[in-house]
Amino acid sequence: MLQQLPTGTKISITRSINTAFEQYMNEIDWNEDRFNMVEFMNAWSKYITTQASWYENLEPSVKESPEFHEQLANKINETIEKVLEEEPTPAQIERIEQLQVSTGAEMDFSCKAEAKYVIQTLERKLS
């Protein structure tokens, strides 16, 4: 059912998962111990109903379909896994190293999205 949606809708779904996941992780300071799938799903649900046009364009029968929800859950898991597996860029690593020297703060990071958060956090310490 998910695969039958228009390409643009599928791309928008993936983007909304990425955006909501990064926002949620930023809110919990990328602390894996604080991650709660139910809280994330609530945040994503709020995001798609208030900010994602693809959701309002879905037919009610699709929104109510257990098959669609199962496929969507798989897509969410796949997308989160891809976010967590994407390596930080060399430029991000270099910037973080510079900021850690400047701020005297050390922060761990393991993926590109978390590196982005670390850079933002360390830059705020400088301002």
PDB file of N, CA and C in Angstrom:
ATOM      1  N   MET A   1       0.825  -1.191   0.000  1.00  0.00           N
ATOM      2  CA  MET A   1       0.000   0.000   0.000  1.00  0.00           C
ATOM      3  C   MET A   1       0.872   1.259   0.000  1.00  0.00           C
ATOM      4  N   LEU A   2       1.896   1.267   0.848  1.00  0.00           N
ATOM      5  CA  LEU A   2       2.813   2.410   0.900  1.00  0.00           C
ATOM      6  C   LEU A   2       3.525   2.572  -0.444  1.00  0.00           C
ATOM      7  N   GLN A   3       3.921   1.457  -1.044  1.00  0.00           N
ATOM      8  CA  GLN A   3       4.635   1.501  -2.319  1.00  0.00           C
ATOM      9  C   GLN A   3       3.767   2.004  -3.464  1.00  0.00           C
ATOM     10  N   GLN A   4       2.459   1.965  -3.294  1.00  0.00           N
ATOM     11  CA  GLN A   4       1.543   2.401  -4.347  1.00  0.00           C
ATOM     12  C   GLN A   4       1.290   3.906  -4.322  1.00  0.00           C
ATOM     13  N   LEU A   5       1.769   4.565  -3.293  1.00  0.00           N
ATOM     14  CA  LEU A   5       1.601   6.018  -3.208  1.00  0.00           C
ATOM     15  C   LEU A   5       2.497   6.697  -4.237  1.00  0.00           C
ATOM     16  N   PRO A   6       2.141   7.906  -4.642  1.00  0.00           N
ATOM     17  CA  PRO A   6       2.999   8.649  -5.578  1.00  0.00           C
ATOM     18  C   PRO A   6       4.407   8.841  -4.997  1.00  0.00           C
ATOM     19  N   THR A   7       5.389   8.889  -5.886  1.00  0.00           N
ATOM     20  CA  THR A   7       6.789   9.036  -5.479  1.00  0.00           C
ATOM     21  C   THR A   7       6.991  10.244  -4.571  1.00  0.00           C
ATOM     22  N   GLY A   8       6.374  11.358  -4.916  1.00  0.00           N
ATOM     23  CA  GLY A   8       6.517  12.565  -4.098  1.00  0.00           C
ATOM     24  C   GLY A   8       6.000  12.367  -2.685  1.00  0.00           C
ATOM     25  N   THR A   9       4.920  11.620  -2.541  1.00  0.00           N
ATOM     26  CA  THR A   9       4.357  11.347  -1.219  1.00  0.00           C
ATOM     27  C   THR A   9       5.303  10.466  -0.419  1.00  0.00           C
ATOM     28  N   LYS A  10       5.867   9.445  -1.076  1.00  0.00           N
ATOM     29  CA  LYS A  10       6.808   8.558  -0.376  1.00  0.00           C
ATOM     30  C   LYS A  10       8.041   9.334   0.085  1.00  0.00           C
ATOM     31  N   ILE A  11       8.523  10.235  -0.760  1.00  0.00           N
ATOM     32  CA  ILE A  11       9.673  11.062  -0.384  1.00  0.00           C
ATOM     33  C   ILE A  11       9.304  11.962   0.793  1.00  0.00           C
ATOM     34  N   SER A  12       8.115  12.532   0.752  1.00  0.00           N
ATOM     35  CA  SER A  12       7.655  13.400   1.845  1.00  0.00           C
ATOM     36  C   SER A  12       7.508  12.630   3.151  1.00  0.00           C
ATOM     37  N   ILE A  13       7.055  11.408   3.071  1.00  0.00           N
ATOM     38  CA  ILE A  13       6.931  10.574   4.278  1.00  0.00           C
ATOM     39  C   ILE A  13       8.308  10.357   4.891  1.00  0.00           C
ATOM     40  N   THR A  14       9.262   9.983   4.064  1.00  0.00           N
ATOM     41  CA  THR A  14      10.627   9.752   4.561  1.00  0.00           C
ATOM     42  C   THR A  14      11.199  11.029   5.162  1.00  0.00           C
ATOM     43  N   ARG A  15      10.998  12.145   4.485  1.00  0.00           N
ATOM     44  CA  ARG A  15      11.498  13.421   4.987  1.00  0.00           C
ATOM     45  C   ARG A  15      10.873  13.771   6.340  1.00  0.00           C
ATOM     46  N   SER A  16       9.577  13.503   6.469  1.00  0.00           N
ATOM     47  CA  SER A  16       8.908  13.823   7.733  1.00  0.00           C
ATOM     48  C   SER A  16       9.436  12.957   8.870  1.00  0.00           C
ATOM     49  N   ILE A  17       9.748  11.712   8.568  1.00  0.00           N
ATOM     50  CA  ILE A  17      10.323  10.827   9.591  1.00  0.00           C
ATOM     51  C   ILE A  17      11.690  11.363  10.000  1.00  0.00           C
ATOM     52  N   ASN A  18      12.523  11.683   9.000  1.00  0.00           N
ATOM     53  CA  ASN A  18      13.861  12.245   9.287  1.00  0.00           C
ATOM     54  C   ASN A  18      13.764  13.492  10.147  1.00  0.00           C
ATOM     55  N   THR A  19      12.939  14.416   9.729  1.00  0.00           N
ATOM     56  CA  THR A  19      12.818  15.697  10.432  1.00  0.00           C
ATOM     57  C   THR A  19      12.321  15.500  11.859  1.00  0.00           C
ATOM     58  N   ALA A  20      11.250  14.730  12.009  1.00  0.00           N
ATOM     59  CA  ALA A  20      10.686  14.510  13.348  1.00  0.00           C
ATOM     60  C   ALA A  20      11.668  13.762  14.244  1.00  0.00           C
ATOM     61  N   PHE A  21      12.401  12.803  13.677  1.00  0.00           N
ATOM     62  CA  PHE A  21      13.375  12.049  14.474  1.00  0.00           C
ATOM     63  C   PHE A  21      14.495  12.965  14.952  1.00  0.00           C
ATOM     64  N   GLU A  22      15.033  13.771  14.051  1.00  0.00           N
ATOM     65  CA  GLU A  22      16.106  14.678  14.456  1.00  0.00           C
ATOM     66  C   GLU A  22      15.620  15.694  15.481  1.00  0.00           C
ATOM     67  N   GLN A  23      14.425  16.225  15.304  1.00  0.00           N
ATOM     68  CA  GLN A  23      13.868  17.168  16.273  1.00  0.00           C
ATOM     69  C   GLN A  23      13.703  16.503  17.640  1.00  0.00           C
ATOM     70  N   TYR A  24      13.166  15.286  17.633  1.00  0.00           N
ATOM     71  CA  TYR A  24      12.966  14.565  18.895  1.00  0.00           C
ATOM     72  C   TYR A  24      14.311  14.301  19.575  1.00  0.00           C
ATOM     73  N   MET A  25      15.285  13.828  18.812  1.00  0.00           N
ATOM     74  CA  MET A  25      16.593  13.529  19.394  1.00  0.00           C
ATOM     75  C   MET A  25      17.260  14.796  19.923  1.00  0.00           C
ATOM     76  N   ASN A  26      17.090  15.906  19.210  1.00  0.00           N
ATOM     77  CA  ASN A  26      17.629  17.174  19.715  1.00  0.00           C
ATOM     78  C   ASN A  26      16.984  17.540  21.045  1.00  0.00           C
ATOM     79  N   GLU A  27      15.678  17.320  21.155  1.00  0.00           N
ATOM     80  CA  GLU A  27      14.959  17.640  22.395  1.00  0.00           C
ATOM     81  C   GLU A  27      15.462  16.821  23.576  1.00  0.00           C
ATOM     82  N   ILE A  28      15.911  15.601  23.309  1.00  0.00           N
ATOM     83  CA  ILE A  28      16.420  14.763  24.403  1.00  0.00           C
ATOM     84  C   ILE A  28      17.947  14.757  24.424  1.00  0.00           C
ATOM     85  N   ASP A  29      18.541  15.755  23.760  1.00  0.00           N
ATOM     86  CA  ASP A  29      19.998  15.939  23.731  1.00  0.00           C
ATOM     87  C   ASP A  29      20.747  14.705  23.215  1.00  0.00           C
ATOM     88  N   TRP A  30      20.139  14.008  22.288  1.00  0.00           N
ATOM     89  CA  TRP A  30      20.714  12.806  21.690  1.00  0.00           C
ATOM     90  C   TRP A  30      21.153  11.793  22.753  1.00  0.00           C
ATOM     91  N   ASN A  31      20.433  11.746  23.845  1.00  0.00           N
ATOM     92  CA  ASN A  31      20.719  10.817  24.931  1.00  0.00           C
ATOM     93  C   ASN A  31      19.928   9.528  24.677  1.00  0.00           C
ATOM     94  N   GLU A  32      20.636   8.489  24.261  1.00  0.00           N
ATOM     95  CA  GLU A  32      19.988   7.225  23.914  1.00  0.00           C
ATOM     96  C   GLU A  32      19.194   6.633  25.070  1.00  0.00           C
ATOM     97  N   ASP A  33      19.639   6.877  26.297  1.00  0.00           N
ATOM     98  CA  ASP A  33      18.926   6.353  27.461  1.00  0.00           C
ATOM     99  C   ASP A  33      17.556   7.009  27.630  1.00  0.00           C
ATOM    100  N   ARG A  34      17.405   8.199  27.095  1.00  0.00           N
ATOM    101  CA  ARG A  34      16.131   8.916  27.216  1.00  0.00           C
ATOM    102  C   ARG A  34      15.184   8.629  26.051  1.00  0.00           C
ATOM    103  N   PHE A  35      15.687   7.926  25.018  1.00  0.00           N
ATOM    104  CA  PHE A  35      14.855   7.646  23.852  1.00  0.00           C
ATOM    105  C   PHE A  35      13.687   6.752  24.251  1.00  0.00           C
ATOM    106  N   ASN A  36      12.514   7.166  23.802  1.00  0.00           N
ATOM    107  CA  ASN A  36      11.295   6.399  24.071  1.00  0.00           C
ATOM    108  C   ASN A  36      10.500   6.373  22.771  1.00  0.00           C
ATOM    109  N   MET A  37      10.312   5.182  22.216  1.00  0.00           N
ATOM    110  CA  MET A  37       9.645   5.059  20.926  1.00  0.00           C
ATOM    111  C   MET A  37       8.230   5.621  20.962  1.00  0.00           C
ATOM    112  N   VAL A  38       7.522   5.440  22.044  1.00  0.00           N
ATOM    113  CA  VAL A  38       6.155   5.967  22.144  1.00  0.00           C
ATOM    114  C   VAL A  38       6.185   7.497  22.082  1.00  0.00           C
ATOM    115  N   GLU A  39       7.123   8.110  22.814  1.00  0.00           N
ATOM    116  CA  GLU A  39       7.248   9.570  22.775  1.00  0.00           C
ATOM    117  C   GLU A  39       7.612  10.048  21.373  1.00  0.00           C
ATOM    118  N   PHE A  40       8.542   9.329  20.729  1.00  0.00           N
ATOM    119  CA  PHE A  40       8.899   9.712  19.369  1.00  0.00           C
ATOM    120  C   PHE A  40       7.698   9.597  18.445  1.00  0.00           C
ATOM    121  N   MET A  41       6.950   8.524  18.537  1.00  0.00           N
ATOM    122  CA  MET A  41       5.789   8.338  17.667  1.00  0.00           C
ATOM    123  C   MET A  41       4.754   9.439  17.914  1.00  0.00           C
ATOM    124  N   ASN A  42       4.600   9.839  19.153  1.00  0.00           N
ATOM    125  CA  ASN A  42       3.694  10.959  19.454  1.00  0.00           C
ATOM    126  C   ASN A  42       4.192  12.254  18.811  1.00  0.00           C
ATOM    127  N   ALA A  43       5.489  12.477  18.880  1.00  0.00           N
ATOM    128  CA  ALA A  43       6.075  13.678  18.273  1.00  0.00           C
ATOM    129  C   ALA A  43       5.912  13.632  16.755  1.00  0.00           C
ATOM    130  N   TRP A  44       6.142  12.460  16.169  1.00  0.00           N
ATOM    131  CA  TRP A  44       6.004  12.329  14.722  1.00  0.00           C
ATOM    132  C   TRP A  44       4.543  12.504  14.305  1.00  0.00           C
ATOM    133  N   SER A  45       3.647  11.932  15.069  1.00  0.00           N
ATOM    134  CA  SER A  45       2.220  12.072  14.776  1.00  0.00           C
ATOM    135  C   SER A  45       1.806  13.538  14.801  1.00  0.00           C
ATOM    136  N   LYS A  46       2.281  14.253  15.807  1.00  0.00           N
ATOM    137  CA  LYS A  46       1.974  15.684  15.897  1.00  0.00           C
ATOM    138  C   LYS A  46       2.566  16.415  14.695  1.00  0.00           C
ATOM    139  N   TYR A  47       3.785  16.075  14.337  1.00  0.00           N
ATOM    140  CA  TYR A  47       4.447  16.714  13.203  1.00  0.00           C
ATOM    141  C   TYR A  47       3.659  16.491  11.913  1.00  0.00           C
ATOM    142  N   ILE A  48       3.263  15.257  11.642  1.00  0.00           N
ATOM    143  CA  ILE A  48       2.596  14.991  10.360  1.00  0.00           C
ATOM    144  C   ILE A  48       1.196  15.597  10.295  1.00  0.00           C
ATOM    145  N   THR A  49       0.562  15.748  11.434  1.00  0.00           N
ATOM    146  CA  THR A  49      -0.791  16.328  11.398  1.00  0.00           C
ATOM    147  C   THR A  49      -0.783  17.846  11.396  1.00  0.00           C
ATOM    148  N   THR A  50       0.346  18.447  11.759  1.00  0.00           N
ATOM    149  CA  THR A  50       0.387  19.915  11.784  1.00  0.00           C
ATOM    150  C   THR A  50       1.299  20.516  10.724  1.00  0.00           C
ATOM    151  N   GLN A  51       2.264  19.736  10.215  1.00  0.00           N
ATOM    152  CA  GLN A  51       3.252  20.324   9.314  1.00  0.00           C
ATOM    153  C   GLN A  51       3.471  19.564   8.004  1.00  0.00           C
ATOM    154  N   ALA A  52       2.912  18.393   7.857  1.00  0.00           N
ATOM    155  CA  ALA A  52       3.170  17.593   6.660  1.00  0.00           C
ATOM    156  C   ALA A  52       1.932  17.539   5.767  1.00  0.00           C
ATOM    157  N   SER A  53       2.049  18.104   4.592  1.00  0.00           N
ATOM    158  CA  SER A  53       0.893  18.146   3.696  1.00  0.00           C
ATOM    159  C   SER A  53       0.538  16.766   3.145  1.00  0.00           C
ATOM    160  N   TRP A  54       1.516  15.854   3.097  1.00  0.00           N
ATOM    161  CA  TRP A  54       1.219  14.536   2.541  1.00  0.00           C
ATOM    162  C   TRP A  54       0.137  13.829   3.352  1.00  0.00           C
ATOM    163  N   TYR A  55       0.126  14.043   4.652  1.00  0.00           N
ATOM    164  CA  TYR A  55      -0.818  13.321   5.506  1.00  0.00           C
ATOM    165  C   TYR A  55      -2.254  13.740   5.227  1.00  0.00           C
ATOM    166  N   GLU A  56      -2.470  15.026   5.077  1.00  0.00           N
ATOM    167  CA  GLU A  56      -3.832  15.490   4.824  1.00  0.00           C
ATOM    168  C   GLU A  56      -4.315  15.084   3.436  1.00  0.00           C
ATOM    169  N   ASN A  57      -3.391  14.766   2.530  1.00  0.00           N
ATOM    170  CA  ASN A  57      -3.768  14.360   1.187  1.00  0.00           C
ATOM    171  C   ASN A  57      -4.067  12.863   1.056  1.00  0.00           C
ATOM    172  N   LEU A  58      -3.792  12.090   2.100  1.00  0.00           N
ATOM    173  CA  LEU A  58      -4.090  10.655   2.062  1.00  0.00           C
ATOM    174  C   LEU A  58      -5.588  10.418   2.179  1.00  0.00           C
ATOM    175  N   GLU A  59      -6.033   9.428   1.453  1.00  0.00           N
ATOM    176  CA  GLU A  59      -7.436   9.019   1.558  1.00  0.00           C
ATOM    177  C   GLU A  59      -7.687   8.474   2.962  1.00  0.00           C
ATOM    178  N   PRO A  60      -8.861   8.725   3.526  1.00  0.00           N
ATOM    179  CA  PRO A  60      -9.180   8.171   4.847  1.00  0.00           C
ATOM    180  C   PRO A  60      -9.036   6.651   4.909  1.00  0.00           C
ATOM    181  N   SER A  61      -9.353   5.970   3.825  1.00  0.00           N
ATOM    182  CA  SER A  61      -9.226   4.504   3.831  1.00  0.00           C
ATOM    183  C   SER A  61      -7.770   4.068   3.993  1.00  0.00           C
ATOM    184  N   VAL A  62      -6.838   4.848   3.442  1.00  0.00           N
ATOM    185  CA  VAL A  62      -5.415   4.545   3.596  1.00  0.00           C
ATOM    186  C   VAL A  62      -4.993   4.809   5.036  1.00  0.00           C
ATOM    187  N   LYS A  63      -5.405   5.936   5.577  1.00  0.00           N
ATOM    188  CA  LYS A  63      -5.058   6.292   6.960  1.00  0.00           C
ATOM    189  C   LYS A  63      -5.559   5.255   7.957  1.00  0.00           C
ATOM    190  N   GLU A  64      -6.666   4.610   7.652  1.00  0.00           N
ATOM    191  CA  GLU A  64      -7.275   3.644   8.574  1.00  0.00           C
ATOM    192  C   GLU A  64      -6.803   2.218   8.345  1.00  0.00           C
ATOM    193  N   SER A  65      -6.043   1.985   7.304  1.00  0.00           N
ATOM    194  CA  SER A  65      -5.631   0.640   6.927  1.00  0.00           C
ATOM    195  C   SER A  65      -4.546   0.083   7.845  1.00  0.00           C
ATOM    196  N   PRO A  66      -4.789  -1.080   8.462  1.00  0.00           N
ATOM    197  CA  PRO A  66      -3.744  -1.716   9.280  1.00  0.00           C
ATOM    198  C   PRO A  66      -2.504  -2.060   8.439  1.00  0.00           C
ATOM    199  N   GLU A  67      -2.716  -2.437   7.192  1.00  0.00           N
ATOM    200  CA  GLU A  67      -1.597  -2.755   6.307  1.00  0.00           C
ATOM    201  C   GLU A  67      -0.714  -1.526   6.098  1.00  0.00           C
ATOM    202  N   PHE A  68      -1.331  -0.372   5.885  1.00  0.00           N
ATOM    203  CA  PHE A  68      -0.581   0.870   5.713  1.00  0.00           C
ATOM    204  C   PHE A  68       0.211   1.184   6.977  1.00  0.00           C
ATOM    205  N   HIS A  69      -0.401   1.022   8.127  1.00  0.00           N
ATOM    206  CA  HIS A  69       0.284   1.323   9.388  1.00  0.00           C
ATOM    207  C   HIS A  69       1.455   0.374   9.624  1.00  0.00           C
ATOM    208  N   GLU A  70       1.304  -0.865   9.245  1.00  0.00           N
ATOM    209  CA  GLU A  70       2.396  -1.825   9.387  1.00  0.00           C
ATOM    210  C   GLU A  70       3.552  -1.444   8.466  1.00  0.00           C
ATOM    211  N   GLN A  71       3.245  -1.105   7.234  1.00  0.00           N
ATOM    212  CA  GLN A  71       4.279  -0.694   6.291  1.00  0.00           C
ATOM    213  C   GLN A  71       4.936   0.617   6.730  1.00  0.00           C
ATOM    214  N   LEU A  72       4.145   1.498   7.276  1.00  0.00           N
ATOM    215  CA  LEU A  72       4.668   2.769   7.771  1.00  0.00           C
ATOM    216  C   LEU A  72       5.604   2.539   8.958  1.00  0.00           C
ATOM    217  N   ALA A  73       5.249   1.634   9.839  1.00  0.00           N
ATOM    218  CA  ALA A  73       6.121   1.308  10.979  1.00  0.00           C
ATOM    219  C   ALA A  73       7.460   0.780  10.482  1.00  0.00           C
ATOM    220  N   ASN A  74       7.430  -0.068   9.458  1.00  0.00           N
ATOM    221  CA  ASN A  74       8.675  -0.580   8.880  1.00  0.00           C
ATOM    222  C   ASN A  74       9.489   0.552   8.269  1.00  0.00           C
ATOM    223  N   LYS A  75       8.816   1.463   7.584  1.00  0.00           N
ATOM    224  CA  LYS A  75       9.493   2.607   6.974  1.00  0.00           C
ATOM    225  C   LYS A  75      10.134   3.495   8.040  1.00  0.00           C
ATOM    226  N   ILE A  76       9.436   3.689   9.135  1.00  0.00           N
ATOM    227  CA  ILE A  76       9.984   4.487  10.243  1.00  0.00           C
ATOM    228  C   ILE A  76      11.256   3.837  10.769  1.00  0.00           C
ATOM    229  N   ASN A  77      11.212   2.535  11.015  1.00  0.00           N
ATOM    230  CA  ASN A  77      12.386   1.831  11.525  1.00  0.00           C
ATOM    231  C   ASN A  77      13.551   1.899  10.539  1.00  0.00           C
ATOM    232  N   GLU A  78      13.271   1.701   9.255  1.00  0.00           N
ATOM    233  CA  GLU A  78      14.315   1.769   8.229  1.00  0.00           C
ATOM    234  C   GLU A  78      14.931   3.167   8.167  1.00  0.00           C
ATOM    235  N   THR A  79      14.093   4.172   8.228  1.00  0.00           N
ATOM    236  CA  THR A  79      14.569   5.549   8.118  1.00  0.00           C
ATOM    237  C   THR A  79      15.422   5.932   9.315  1.00  0.00           C
ATOM    238  N   ILE A  80      14.974   5.572  10.511  1.00  0.00           N
ATOM    239  CA  ILE A  80      15.762   5.852  11.717  1.00  0.00           C
ATOM    240  C   ILE A  80      17.111   5.150  11.636  1.00  0.00           C
ATOM    241  N   GLU A  81      17.100   3.908  11.177  1.00  0.00           N
ATOM    242  CA  GLU A  81      18.347   3.152  11.056  1.00  0.00           C
ATOM    243  C   GLU A  81      19.307   3.850  10.089  1.00  0.00           C
ATOM    244  N   LYS A  82      18.786   4.342   8.974  1.00  0.00           N
ATOM    245  CA  LYS A  82      19.635   5.046   8.006  1.00  0.00           C
ATOM    246  C   LYS A  82      20.215   6.322   8.611  1.00  0.00           C
ATOM    247  N   VAL A  83      19.407   7.057   9.359  1.00  0.00           N
ATOM    248  CA  VAL A  83      19.900   8.281  10.007  1.00  0.00           C
ATOM    249  C   VAL A  83      21.048   7.942  10.947  1.00  0.00           C
ATOM    250  N   LEU A  84      20.873   6.901  11.737  1.00  0.00           N
ATOM    251  CA  LEU A  84      21.877   6.535  12.733  1.00  0.00           C
ATOM    252  C   LEU A  84      23.142   5.942  12.117  1.00  0.00           C
ATOM    253  N   GLU A  85      23.026   5.408  10.909  1.00  0.00           N
ATOM    254  CA  GLU A  85      24.184   4.796  10.258  1.00  0.00           C
ATOM    255  C   GLU A  85      24.967   5.765   9.377  1.00  0.00           C
ATOM    256  N   GLU A  86      24.413   6.942   9.102  1.00  0.00           N
ATOM    257  CA  GLU A  86      25.100   7.882   8.223  1.00  0.00           C
ATOM    258  C   GLU A  86      26.266   8.529   8.970  1.00  0.00           C
ATOM    259  N   GLU A  87      27.452   8.312   8.440  1.00  0.00           N
ATOM    260  CA  GLU A  87      28.686   8.789   9.077  1.00  0.00           C
ATOM    261  C   GLU A  87      28.769  10.311   9.061  1.00  0.00           C
ATOM    262  N   PRO A  88      29.339  10.887  10.107  1.00  0.00           N
ATOM    263  CA  PRO A  88      29.602  12.339  10.086  1.00  0.00           C
ATOM    264  C   PRO A  88      30.560  12.651   8.935  1.00  0.00           C
ATOM    265  N   THR A  89      30.420  13.829   8.381  1.00  0.00           N
ATOM    266  CA  THR A  89      31.317  14.224   7.293  1.00  0.00           C
ATOM    267  C   THR A  89      32.669  14.636   7.869  1.00  0.00           C
ATOM    268  N   PRO A  90      33.708  14.575   7.050  1.00  0.00           N
ATOM    269  CA  PRO A  90      35.014  15.062   7.529  1.00  0.00           C
ATOM    270  C   PRO A  90      34.945  16.526   7.983  1.00  0.00           C
ATOM    271  N   ALA A  91      34.159  17.336   7.281  1.00  0.00           N
ATOM    272  CA  ALA A  91      34.026  18.749   7.670  1.00  0.00           C
ATOM    273  C   ALA A  91      33.365  18.878   9.038  1.00  0.00           C
ATOM    274  N   GLN A  92      32.368  18.047   9.311  1.00  0.00           N
ATOM    275  CA  GLN A  92      31.720  18.078  10.631  1.00  0.00           C
ATOM    276  C   GLN A  92      32.706  17.676  11.717  1.00  0.00           C
ATOM    277  N   ILE A  93      33.447  16.626  11.472  1.00  0.00           N
ATOM    278  CA  ILE A  93      34.416  16.145  12.465  1.00  0.00           C
ATOM    279  C   ILE A  93      35.456  17.233  12.752  1.00  0.00           C
ATOM    280  N   GLU A  94      35.942  17.856  11.697  1.00  0.00           N
ATOM    281  CA  GLU A  94      36.926  18.927  11.861  1.00  0.00           C
ATOM    282  C   GLU A  94      36.334  20.094  12.657  1.00  0.00           C
ATOM    283  N   ARG A  95      35.115  20.477  12.322  1.00  0.00           N
ATOM    284  CA  ARG A  95      34.459  21.604  13.026  1.00  0.00           C
ATOM    285  C   ARG A  95      34.251  21.269  14.496  1.00  0.00           C
ATOM    286  N   ILE A  96      33.824  20.057  14.785  1.00  0.00           N
ATOM    287  CA  ILE A  96      33.614  19.647  16.176  1.00  0.00           C
ATOM    288  C   ILE A  96      34.931  19.695  16.944  1.00  0.00           C
ATOM    289  N   GLU A  97      35.995  19.212  16.328  1.00  0.00           N
ATOM    290  CA  GLU A  97      37.302  19.249  16.994  1.00  0.00           C
ATOM    291  C   GLU A  97      37.708  20.686  17.312  1.00  0.00           C
ATOM    292  N   GLN A  98      37.486  21.599  16.358  1.00  0.00           N
ATOM    293  CA  GLN A  98      37.809  23.013  16.590  1.00  0.00           C
ATOM    294  C   GLN A  98      36.969  23.579  17.733  1.00  0.00           C
ATOM    295  N   LEU A  99      35.691  23.282  17.705  1.00  0.00           N
ATOM    296  CA  LEU A  99      34.787  23.811  18.735  1.00  0.00           C
ATOM    297  C   LEU A  99      35.090  23.236  20.115  1.00  0.00           C
ATOM    298  N   GLN A 100      35.493  21.982  20.160  1.00  0.00           N
ATOM    299  CA  GLN A 100      35.828  21.385  21.448  1.00  0.00           C
ATOM    300  C   GLN A 100      37.059  22.061  22.050  1.00  0.00           C
ATOM    301  N   VAL A 101      38.006  22.400  21.214  1.00  0.00           N
ATOM    302  CA  VAL A 101      39.194  23.113  21.692  1.00  0.00           C
ATOM    303  C   VAL A 101      38.783  24.503  22.183  1.00  0.00           C
ATOM    304  N   SER A 102      37.960  25.179  21.406  1.00  0.00           N
ATOM    305  CA  SER A 102      37.534  26.543  21.753  1.00  0.00           C
ATOM    306  C   SER A 102      36.681  26.604  23.017  1.00  0.00           C
ATOM    307  N   THR A 103      35.837  25.615  23.201  1.00  0.00           N
ATOM    308  CA  THR A 103      34.906  25.638  24.334  1.00  0.00           C
ATOM    309  C   THR A 103      35.416  24.863  25.542  1.00  0.00           C
ATOM    310  N   GLY A 104      36.353  23.967  25.316  1.00  0.00           N
ATOM    311  CA  GLY A 104      36.812  23.106  26.399  1.00  0.00           C
ATOM    312  C   GLY A 104      35.814  22.018  26.734  1.00  0.00           C
ATOM    313  N   ALA A 105      34.783  21.893  25.931  1.00  0.00           N
ATOM    314  CA  ALA A 105      33.745  20.875  26.161  1.00  0.00           C
ATOM    315  C   ALA A 105      33.957  19.712  25.203  1.00  0.00           C
ATOM    316  N   GLU A 106      33.746  18.529  25.705  1.00  0.00           N
ATOM    317  CA  GLU A 106      33.842  17.339  24.865  1.00  0.00           C
ATOM    318  C   GLU A 106      32.467  16.713  24.753  1.00  0.00           C
ATOM    319  N   MET A 107      32.065  16.451  23.522  1.00  0.00           N
ATOM    320  CA  MET A 107      30.765  15.821  23.276  1.00  0.00           C
ATOM    321  C   MET A 107      30.969  14.673  22.303  1.00  0.00           C
ATOM    322  N   ASP A 108      30.341  13.549  22.609  1.00  0.00           N
ATOM    323  CA  ASP A 108      30.407  12.388  21.732  1.00  0.00           C
ATOM    324  C   ASP A 108      29.350  12.511  20.640  1.00  0.00           C
ATOM    325  N   PHE A 109      29.620  11.886  19.518  1.00  0.00           N
ATOM    326  CA  PHE A 109      28.670  11.848  18.414  1.00  0.00           C
ATOM    327  C   PHE A 109      28.982  10.614  17.581  1.00  0.00           C
ATOM    328  N   SER A 110      27.964  10.072  16.943  1.00  0.00           N
ATOM    329  CA  SER A 110      28.209   8.855  16.182  1.00  0.00           C
ATOM    330  C   SER A 110      27.621   8.867  14.773  1.00  0.00           C
ATOM    331  N   CYS A 111      26.824   9.866  14.450  1.00  0.00           N
ATOM    332  CA  CYS A 111      26.242   9.921  13.114  1.00  0.00           C
ATOM    333  C   CYS A 111      26.186  11.374  12.649  1.00  0.00           C
ATOM    334  N   LYS A 112      25.886  11.546  11.385  1.00  0.00           N
ATOM    335  CA  LYS A 112      25.864  12.876  10.786  1.00  0.00           C
ATOM    336  C   LYS A 112      24.855  13.795  11.477  1.00  0.00           C
ATOM    337  N   ALA A 113      23.666  13.284  11.755  1.00  0.00           N
ATOM    338  CA  ALA A 113      22.634  14.108  12.394  1.00  0.00           C
ATOM    339  C   ALA A 113      23.042  14.517  13.804  1.00  0.00           C
ATOM    340  N   GLU A 114      23.654  13.600  14.532  1.00  0.00           N
ATOM    341  CA  GLU A 114      24.104  13.937  15.882  1.00  0.00           C
ATOM    342  C   GLU A 114      25.267  14.920  15.823  1.00  0.00           C
ATOM    343  N   ALA A 115      26.141  14.790  14.842  1.00  0.00           N
ATOM    344  CA  ALA A 115      27.248  15.732  14.678  1.00  0.00           C
ATOM    345  C   ALA A 115      26.705  17.135  14.426  1.00  0.00           C
ATOM    346  N   LYS A 116      25.660  17.230  13.646  1.00  0.00           N
ATOM    347  CA  LYS A 116      25.022  18.535  13.394  1.00  0.00           C
ATOM    348  C   LYS A 116      24.540  19.144  14.713  1.00  0.00           C
ATOM    349  N   TYR A 117      23.916  18.326  15.548  1.00  0.00           N
ATOM    350  CA  TYR A 117      23.438  18.775  16.865  1.00  0.00           C
ATOM    351  C   TYR A 117      24.624  19.227  17.730  1.00  0.00           C
ATOM    352  N   VAL A 118      25.694  18.459  17.739  1.00  0.00           N
ATOM    353  CA  VAL A 118      26.869  18.790  18.547  1.00  0.00           C
ATOM    354  C   VAL A 118      27.461  20.125  18.104  1.00  0.00           C
ATOM    355  N   ILE A 119      27.555  20.333  16.805  1.00  0.00           N
ATOM    356  CA  ILE A 119      28.082  21.599  16.283  1.00  0.00           C
ATOM    357  C   ILE A 119      27.214  22.757  16.755  1.00  0.00           C
ATOM    358  N   GLN A 120      25.911  22.618  16.619  1.00  0.00           N
ATOM    359  CA  GLN A 120      25.002  23.688  17.051  1.00  0.00           C
ATOM    360  C   GLN A 120      25.143  23.956  18.546  1.00  0.00           C
ATOM    361  N   THR A 121      25.239  22.905  19.330  1.00  0.00           N
ATOM    362  CA  THR A 121      25.351  23.043  20.779  1.00  0.00           C
ATOM    363  C   THR A 121      26.656  23.740  21.160  1.00  0.00           C
ATOM    364  N   LEU A 122      27.747  23.325  20.563  1.00  0.00           N
ATOM    365  CA  LEU A 122      29.038  23.928  20.876  1.00  0.00           C
ATOM    366  C   LEU A 122      29.133  25.364  20.380  1.00  0.00           C
ATOM    367  N   GLU A 123      28.537  25.635  19.226  1.00  0.00           N
ATOM    368  CA  GLU A 123      28.540  27.028  18.733  1.00  0.00           C
ATOM    369  C   GLU A 123      27.734  27.949  19.654  1.00  0.00           C
ATOM    370  N   ARG A 124      26.651  27.432  20.227  1.00  0.00           N
ATOM    371  CA  ARG A 124      25.878  28.243  21.184  1.00  0.00           C
ATOM    372  C   ARG A 124      26.714  28.567  22.415  1.00  0.00           C
ATOM    373  N   LYS A 125      27.585  27.650  22.808  1.00  0.00           N
ATOM    374  CA  LYS A 125      28.439  27.908  23.971  1.00  0.00           C
ATOM    375  C   LYS A 125      29.417  29.054  23.698  1.00  0.00           C
ATOM    376  N   LEU A 126      29.772  29.237  22.449  1.00  0.00           N
ATOM    377  CA  LEU A 126      30.703  30.295  22.088  1.00  0.00           C
ATOM    378  C   LEU A 126      30.041  31.652  22.014  1.00  0.00           C
ATOM    379  N   SER A 127      28.750  31.680  21.777  1.00  0.00           N
ATOM    380  CA  SER A 127      28.089  32.988  21.609  1.00  0.00           C
ATOM    381  C   SER A 127      27.550  33.555  22.893  1.00  0.00           C
TER     382      SER A 127
END
